């Protein structure tokens, strides 16, 4: 699996993220920027190795429920 823009993901350790955009950065080169459930934004790699222990959420409601 690879991350995709617009996708919602859960890590086996409990962390959640929503991939917002794919862009080129000065520091990381090509990267995706994700919003995490703790309110932070971080760069995310686009290779399969970056998605180890992550799974896609069944639907957006799972993400929305984190904030209600």
N, C-alpha and C. Protein backbone atom coordinates (compact mmCIF):
# COMPACT_ATOMS: atom_id res chain seq x y z
N UNK A 1 0.84 -1.17 0.00
CA UNK A 1 0.00 0.00 0.00
C UNK A 1 0.89 1.24 0.00
N UNK A 2 0.41 2.28 -0.65
CA UNK A 2 1.04 3.60 -0.63
C UNK A 2 -0.02 4.60 -0.20
N UNK A 3 0.42 5.67 0.44
CA UNK A 3 -0.51 6.73 0.80
C UNK A 3 -0.97 7.47 -0.45
N UNK A 4 -2.18 7.98 -0.40
CA UNK A 4 -2.69 8.78 -1.51
C UNK A 4 -3.33 10.04 -0.95
N UNK A 5 -3.26 11.10 -1.73
CA UNK A 5 -3.85 12.38 -1.34
C UNK A 5 -5.36 12.17 -1.14
N UNK A 6 -5.85 12.66 -0.01
CA UNK A 6 -7.26 12.53 0.31
C UNK A 6 -7.56 11.32 1.18
N UNK A 7 -6.57 10.44 1.38
CA UNK A 7 -6.78 9.23 2.15
C UNK A 7 -6.72 9.46 3.65
N UNK A 8 -7.43 8.61 4.39
CA UNK A 8 -7.46 8.62 5.85
C UNK A 8 -6.84 7.31 6.33
N UNK A 9 -5.93 7.39 7.29
CA UNK A 9 -5.16 6.22 7.69
C UNK A 9 -5.04 6.10 9.20
N UNK A 10 -4.86 4.86 9.66
CA UNK A 10 -4.65 4.57 11.08
C UNK A 10 -3.39 3.73 11.21
N UNK A 11 -2.54 4.10 12.15
CA UNK A 11 -1.33 3.34 12.44
C UNK A 11 -1.65 2.27 13.48
N UNK A 12 -0.93 1.17 13.43
CA UNK A 12 -1.18 0.08 14.39
C UNK A 12 -0.97 0.53 15.83
N UNK A 13 -0.24 1.61 16.04
CA UNK A 13 -0.02 2.16 17.37
C UNK A 13 -1.12 3.12 17.81
N UNK A 14 -2.11 3.39 16.93
CA UNK A 14 -3.26 4.20 17.30
C UNK A 14 -3.31 5.59 16.69
N UNK A 15 -2.22 6.04 16.07
CA UNK A 15 -2.19 7.37 15.47
C UNK A 15 -3.05 7.40 14.19
N UNK A 16 -3.67 8.54 13.90
CA UNK A 16 -4.50 8.71 12.71
C UNK A 16 -3.99 9.89 11.90
N UNK A 17 -4.17 9.82 10.58
CA UNK A 17 -3.79 10.96 9.73
C UNK A 17 -4.66 11.02 8.48
N UNK A 18 -4.70 12.23 7.92
CA UNK A 18 -5.39 12.52 6.66
C UNK A 18 -4.37 13.17 5.74
N UNK A 19 -4.09 12.56 4.60
CA UNK A 19 -3.12 13.11 3.65
C UNK A 19 -3.81 14.22 2.85
N UNK A 20 -3.24 15.41 2.93
CA UNK A 20 -3.88 16.59 2.35
C UNK A 20 -3.43 16.95 0.95
N UNK A 21 -2.10 16.91 0.70
CA UNK A 21 -1.57 17.42 -0.55
C UNK A 21 -0.23 16.77 -0.87
N UNK A 22 0.10 16.74 -2.13
CA UNK A 22 1.42 16.29 -2.59
C UNK A 22 2.14 17.51 -3.13
N UNK A 23 3.38 17.70 -2.70
CA UNK A 23 4.11 18.90 -3.09
C UNK A 23 5.61 18.65 -3.10
N UNK A 24 6.36 19.62 -3.57
CA UNK A 24 7.83 19.56 -3.53
C UNK A 24 8.28 20.51 -2.44
N UNK A 25 9.12 19.99 -1.55
CA UNK A 25 9.63 20.81 -0.45
C UNK A 25 11.13 21.01 -0.61
N UNK A 26 11.65 22.06 0.02
CA UNK A 26 13.09 22.33 -0.03
C UNK A 26 13.87 21.28 0.75
N UNK A 27 13.34 20.84 1.86
CA UNK A 27 14.06 19.92 2.74
C UNK A 27 13.88 18.46 2.32
N UNK A 28 12.65 18.04 2.02
CA UNK A 28 12.34 16.63 1.77
C UNK A 28 12.23 16.27 0.28
N UNK A 29 12.26 17.25 -0.59
CA UNK A 29 11.97 16.96 -1.99
C UNK A 29 10.49 16.69 -2.13
N UNK A 30 10.13 15.69 -2.95
CA UNK A 30 8.71 15.35 -3.11
C UNK A 30 8.21 14.74 -1.80
N UNK A 31 7.11 15.27 -1.30
CA UNK A 31 6.51 14.76 -0.07
C UNK A 31 5.02 15.05 -0.09
N UNK A 32 4.30 14.29 0.69
CA UNK A 32 2.90 14.60 0.94
C UNK A 32 2.83 15.23 2.32
N UNK A 33 1.88 16.11 2.51
CA UNK A 33 1.68 16.74 3.80
C UNK A 33 0.39 16.17 4.39
N UNK A 34 0.49 15.71 5.64
CA UNK A 34 -0.66 15.09 6.30
C UNK A 34 -1.00 15.84 7.58
N UNK A 35 -2.30 15.84 7.88
CA UNK A 35 -2.81 16.36 9.14
C UNK A 35 -2.98 15.16 10.07
N UNK A 36 -2.44 15.25 11.26
CA UNK A 36 -2.54 14.16 12.22
C UNK A 36 -3.61 14.49 13.27
N UNK A 37 -4.14 13.47 13.90
CA UNK A 37 -5.24 13.65 14.85
C UNK A 37 -4.82 14.45 16.08
N UNK A 38 -3.52 14.63 16.30
CA UNK A 38 -3.07 15.47 17.42
C UNK A 38 -2.98 16.94 17.03
N UNK A 39 -3.39 17.27 15.80
CA UNK A 39 -3.41 18.66 15.35
C UNK A 39 -2.16 19.12 14.64
N UNK A 40 -1.18 18.24 14.47
CA UNK A 40 0.05 18.62 13.78
C UNK A 40 -0.04 18.31 12.29
N UNK A 41 0.82 18.97 11.52
CA UNK A 41 0.99 18.71 10.09
C UNK A 41 2.41 18.22 9.91
N UNK A 42 2.58 17.13 9.15
CA UNK A 42 3.92 16.57 8.96
C UNK A 42 4.08 16.06 7.53
N UNK A 43 5.33 16.04 7.05
CA UNK A 43 5.59 15.44 5.75
C UNK A 43 5.45 13.93 5.84
N UNK A 44 4.96 13.33 4.76
CA UNK A 44 4.76 11.88 4.69
C UNK A 44 5.39 11.39 3.39
N UNK A 45 6.15 10.34 3.46
CA UNK A 45 6.76 9.76 2.27
C UNK A 45 5.74 9.03 1.41
N UNK A 46 6.04 8.89 0.15
CA UNK A 46 5.08 8.29 -0.79
C UNK A 46 5.43 6.85 -1.17
N UNK A 47 6.49 6.30 -0.62
CA UNK A 47 6.88 4.92 -0.95
C UNK A 47 6.13 3.92 -0.07
N UNK A 48 6.06 2.68 -0.52
CA UNK A 48 5.41 1.63 0.26
C UNK A 48 6.04 1.47 1.64
N UNK A 49 7.36 1.67 1.72
CA UNK A 49 8.06 1.53 3.00
C UNK A 49 7.55 2.54 4.03
N UNK A 50 7.04 3.69 3.58
CA UNK A 50 6.53 4.70 4.51
C UNK A 50 5.16 4.32 5.08
N UNK A 51 4.49 3.37 4.46
CA UNK A 51 3.14 3.00 4.87
C UNK A 51 3.10 1.73 5.73
N UNK A 52 4.26 1.22 6.12
CA UNK A 52 4.30 0.02 6.96
C UNK A 52 3.56 0.30 8.27
N UNK A 53 2.71 -0.62 8.67
CA UNK A 53 1.90 -0.56 9.89
C UNK A 53 0.77 0.47 9.83
N UNK A 54 0.51 1.01 8.66
CA UNK A 54 -0.63 1.90 8.45
C UNK A 54 -1.70 1.16 7.64
N UNK A 55 -2.96 1.44 7.92
CA UNK A 55 -4.06 0.89 7.12
C UNK A 55 -5.05 2.02 6.83
N UNK A 56 -5.70 1.90 5.70
CA UNK A 56 -6.67 2.93 5.31
C UNK A 56 -7.94 2.76 6.13
N UNK A 57 -8.51 3.87 6.59
CA UNK A 57 -9.77 3.82 7.32
C UNK A 57 -10.89 3.40 6.38
N UNK A 58 -11.88 2.75 6.93
CA UNK A 58 -13.03 2.29 6.14
C UNK A 58 -13.77 3.45 5.50
N UNK A 59 -13.91 4.55 6.25
CA UNK A 59 -14.62 5.72 5.73
C UNK A 59 -14.23 6.97 6.52
N UNK A 60 -14.59 8.13 6.00
CA UNK A 60 -14.25 9.41 6.61
C UNK A 60 -14.88 9.56 7.99
N UNK A 61 -15.99 8.90 8.23
CA UNK A 61 -16.67 9.01 9.52
C UNK A 61 -15.75 8.59 10.66
N UNK A 62 -14.92 7.58 10.44
CA UNK A 62 -13.97 7.15 11.48
C UNK A 62 -13.05 8.31 11.87
N UNK A 63 -12.62 9.08 10.88
CA UNK A 63 -11.78 10.25 11.14
C UNK A 63 -12.59 11.32 11.88
N UNK A 64 -13.77 11.63 11.38
CA UNK A 64 -14.61 12.66 11.98
C UNK A 64 -14.96 12.32 13.44
N UNK A 65 -15.16 11.05 13.73
CA UNK A 65 -15.52 10.63 15.09
C UNK A 65 -14.41 10.91 16.10
N UNK A 66 -13.19 11.07 15.63
CA UNK A 66 -12.08 11.37 16.54
C UNK A 66 -12.23 12.76 17.17
N UNK A 67 -13.02 13.62 16.54
CA UNK A 67 -13.13 15.01 16.97
C UNK A 67 -14.51 15.37 17.52
N UNK A 68 -15.34 14.37 17.75
CA UNK A 68 -16.67 14.68 18.28
C UNK A 68 -16.82 14.27 19.72
